Amino acid sequence: MKKIILVLLLISNAIFAQQDYNLKKGFVANGYDVVAYFSNKAIKGNKKFTTNFNGVKFKFSNKANLEKFKKSPKKYIPQYGGYCAYAIGKNGEKVAINPKAFEIRDGKLYLFYNAWGTNTLKLWQKEGAEKLKAQADKNWEKLQKKM
């Protein structure tokens, strides 16, 4: 029984580790503090407060947020590897984000593109976030299988 549990844990870790991330500027969320988003704030991380998780780097604005992340990292990781949630949902494309365009929905962090007059967070909300989220989940799963 212990061997079966160990094998399942290894498989689930391997699957999670295969997820790719948007690492613009070398960090998830362009170096913004992924914990701060859950206080409805987009705050740049500080190079004094960094950590690695799942093979990628995260920055935090303070030590308290770094410690929160270390205790429960999967809670704070952006959906769809930190790519634009709208683009993943609309057409299954990995698009860069503006770290100031975000939404917390059902306890999960979603990031969006916002440049050149296109705010995909507004489109996400206008076109139906729940429907786009469901499609994004399917599209992301397909994208991960291609890896």
Protein backbone atom coordinates (compact mmCIF):
# COMPACT_ATOMS: atom_id res chain seq x y z
CA MET A 1 0.00 0.00 0.00
CA LYS A 2 2.85 2.39 0.86
CA LYS A 3 4.42 1.75 -2.55
CA ILE A 4 1.16 2.60 -4.33
CA ILE A 5 0.84 5.87 -2.42
CA LEU A 6 4.47 6.73 -3.16
CA VAL A 7 3.98 6.04 -6.88
CA LEU A 8 0.84 8.20 -6.95
CA LEU A 9 2.66 11.04 -5.21
CA LEU A 10 5.54 10.83 -7.66
CA ILE A 11 3.15 10.86 -10.62
CA SER A 12 1.19 13.85 -9.29
CA ASN A 13 4.42 15.74 -8.60
CA ALA A 14 5.68 14.95 -12.10
CA ILE A 15 2.45 16.18 -13.64
CA PHE A 16 2.55 19.39 -11.60
CA ALA A 17 6.23 19.90 -12.44
CA GLN A 18 5.46 19.68 -16.17
CA GLN A 19 3.33 22.82 -16.02
CA ASP A 20 5.03 25.68 -17.79
CA TYR A 21 5.16 29.21 -16.46
CA ASN A 22 5.19 32.70 -17.88
CA LEU A 23 8.57 33.86 -16.59
CA LYS A 24 8.90 37.35 -17.97
CA LYS A 25 11.68 39.13 -16.04
CA GLY A 26 12.74 35.71 -14.73
CA PHE A 27 9.95 35.40 -12.19
CA VAL A 28 6.35 34.21 -12.06
CA ALA A 29 3.89 37.17 -12.35
CA ASN A 30 6.67 39.38 -13.76
CA GLY A 31 8.20 39.51 -10.28
CA TYR A 32 5.06 40.73 -8.54
CA ASP A 33 4.13 39.38 -5.10
CA VAL A 34 1.62 36.57 -5.70
CA VAL A 35 0.53 36.61 -2.04
CA ALA A 36 -0.25 40.35 -2.11
CA TYR A 37 -2.82 39.78 -4.86
CA PHE A 38 -4.98 38.00 -2.28
CA SER A 39 -5.18 41.32 -0.38
CA ASN A 40 -6.37 42.91 -3.65
CA LYS A 41 -3.00 44.59 -4.24
CA ALA A 42 -0.57 44.32 -7.15
CA ILE A 43 2.82 44.94 -5.54
CA LYS A 44 6.26 44.44 -7.05
CA GLY A 45 8.39 41.89 -5.29
CA ASN A 46 11.69 42.72 -3.66
CA LYS A 47 14.84 40.81 -4.60
CA LYS A 48 15.55 40.36 -0.86
CA PHE A 49 12.47 38.11 -0.58
CA THR A 50 12.62 35.36 -3.20
CA THR A 51 12.11 31.64 -3.29
CA ASN A 52 12.03 28.78 -5.76
CA PHE A 53 9.09 26.45 -6.09
CA ASN A 54 8.53 23.83 -8.76
CA GLY A 55 11.69 24.94 -10.53
CA VAL A 56 10.69 28.60 -10.93
CA LYS A 57 11.35 31.80 -8.99
CA PHE A 58 8.89 33.95 -7.06
CA LYS A 59 9.43 37.42 -5.55
CA PHE A 60 7.63 38.90 -2.56
CA SER A 61 7.25 42.41 -1.18
CA ASN A 62 8.01 41.37 2.39
CA LYS A 63 9.15 38.48 4.57
CA ALA A 64 5.63 37.78 5.89
CA ASN A 65 4.31 37.12 2.35
CA LEU A 66 7.33 34.95 1.56
CA GLU A 67 6.59 32.85 4.65
CA LYS A 68 2.88 32.58 3.75
CA PHE A 69 3.85 31.31 0.32
CA LYS A 70 6.29 28.76 1.73
CA LYS A 71 3.56 27.33 3.99
CA SER A 72 1.06 26.86 1.16
CA PRO A 73 2.62 27.60 -2.26
CA LYS A 74 -0.02 25.96 -4.45
CA LYS A 75 -2.65 28.34 -3.03
CA TYR A 76 -0.87 31.36 -4.51
CA ILE A 77 0.36 30.13 -7.88
CA PRO A 78 -1.44 31.93 -10.73
CA GLN A 79 -3.75 29.87 -12.89
CA TYR A 80 -2.55 28.82 -16.35
CA GLY A 81 1.10 29.28 -15.42
CA GLY A 82 0.64 33.03 -15.09
CA TYR A 83 -0.35 33.55 -18.71
CA CYS A 84 -3.36 35.70 -19.64
CA ALA A 85 -6.47 33.83 -18.48
CA TYR A 86 -8.64 35.48 -21.13
CA ALA A 87 -6.34 34.43 -24.01
CA ILE A 88 -6.12 30.87 -22.69
CA GLY A 89 -9.93 30.74 -22.47
CA LYS A 90 -10.75 32.52 -25.70
CA ASN A 91 -8.36 30.77 -28.07
CA GLY A 92 -5.91 28.63 -26.11
CA GLU A 93 -2.97 30.99 -26.64
CA LYS A 94 -0.22 31.80 -24.17
CA VAL A 95 -0.12 35.58 -23.94
CA ALA A 96 1.99 37.78 -21.66
CA ILE A 97 0.28 39.68 -18.86
CA ASN A 98 0.23 43.06 -17.20
CA PRO A 99 0.79 42.15 -13.54
CA LYS A 100 -1.52 44.96 -12.46
CA ALA A 101 -4.48 43.34 -14.27
CA PHE A 102 -5.68 40.50 -12.05
CA GLU A 103 -8.69 38.89 -10.45
CA ILE A 104 -9.14 36.58 -7.49
CA ARG A 105 -11.99 34.19 -8.32
CA ASP A 106 -12.98 31.27 -6.12
CA GLY A 107 -9.73 31.59 -4.17
CA LYS A 108 -7.55 31.43 -7.32
CA LEU A 109 -5.35 34.07 -8.95
CA TYR A 110 -5.97 34.97 -12.61
CA LEU A 111 -3.70 37.38 -14.52
CA PHE A 112 -4.53 39.33 -17.69
CA TYR A 113 -3.06 41.25 -20.62
CA ASN A 114 -3.68 45.00 -20.54
CA ALA A 115 -1.89 47.09 -23.17
CA TRP A 116 -2.46 48.95 -26.41
CA GLY A 117 -6.07 49.69 -25.50
CA THR A 118 -6.99 46.07 -24.82
CA ASN A 119 -7.88 45.19 -21.23
CA THR A 120 -8.60 41.47 -21.25
CA LEU A 121 -9.76 41.53 -17.61
CA LYS A 122 -12.67 43.72 -18.70
CA LEU A 123 -13.35 41.40 -21.67
CA TRP A 124 -13.18 38.37 -19.33
CA GLN A 125 -15.85 39.93 -17.10
CA LYS A 126 -17.99 41.28 -19.97
CA GLU A 127 -17.99 38.06 -22.02
CA GLY A 128 -18.69 35.79 -19.06
CA ALA A 129 -15.86 34.85 -16.73
CA GLU A 130 -17.34 31.50 -15.69
CA LYS A 131 -17.75 30.34 -19.29
CA LEU A 132 -14.27 31.56 -20.26
CA LYS A 133 -12.76 29.97 -17.14
CA ALA A 134 -14.31 26.60 -18.01
CA GLN A 135 -12.93 26.84 -21.54
CA ALA A 136 -9.55 28.01 -20.25
CA ASP A 137 -9.35 24.98 -17.98
CA LYS A 138 -9.93 22.71 -21.00
CA ASN A 139 -7.51 24.63 -23.21
CA TRP A 140 -4.80 24.63 -20.54
CA GLU A 141 -5.13 20.89 -20.11
CA LYS A 142 -4.65 20.45 -23.88
CA LEU A 143 -1.63 22.76 -23.85
CA GLN A 144 -0.06 20.76 -21.02
CA LYS A 145 -0.53 17.48 -22.88
CA LYS A 146 1.45 18.91 -25.82
CA MET A 147 4.48 19.48 -23.57
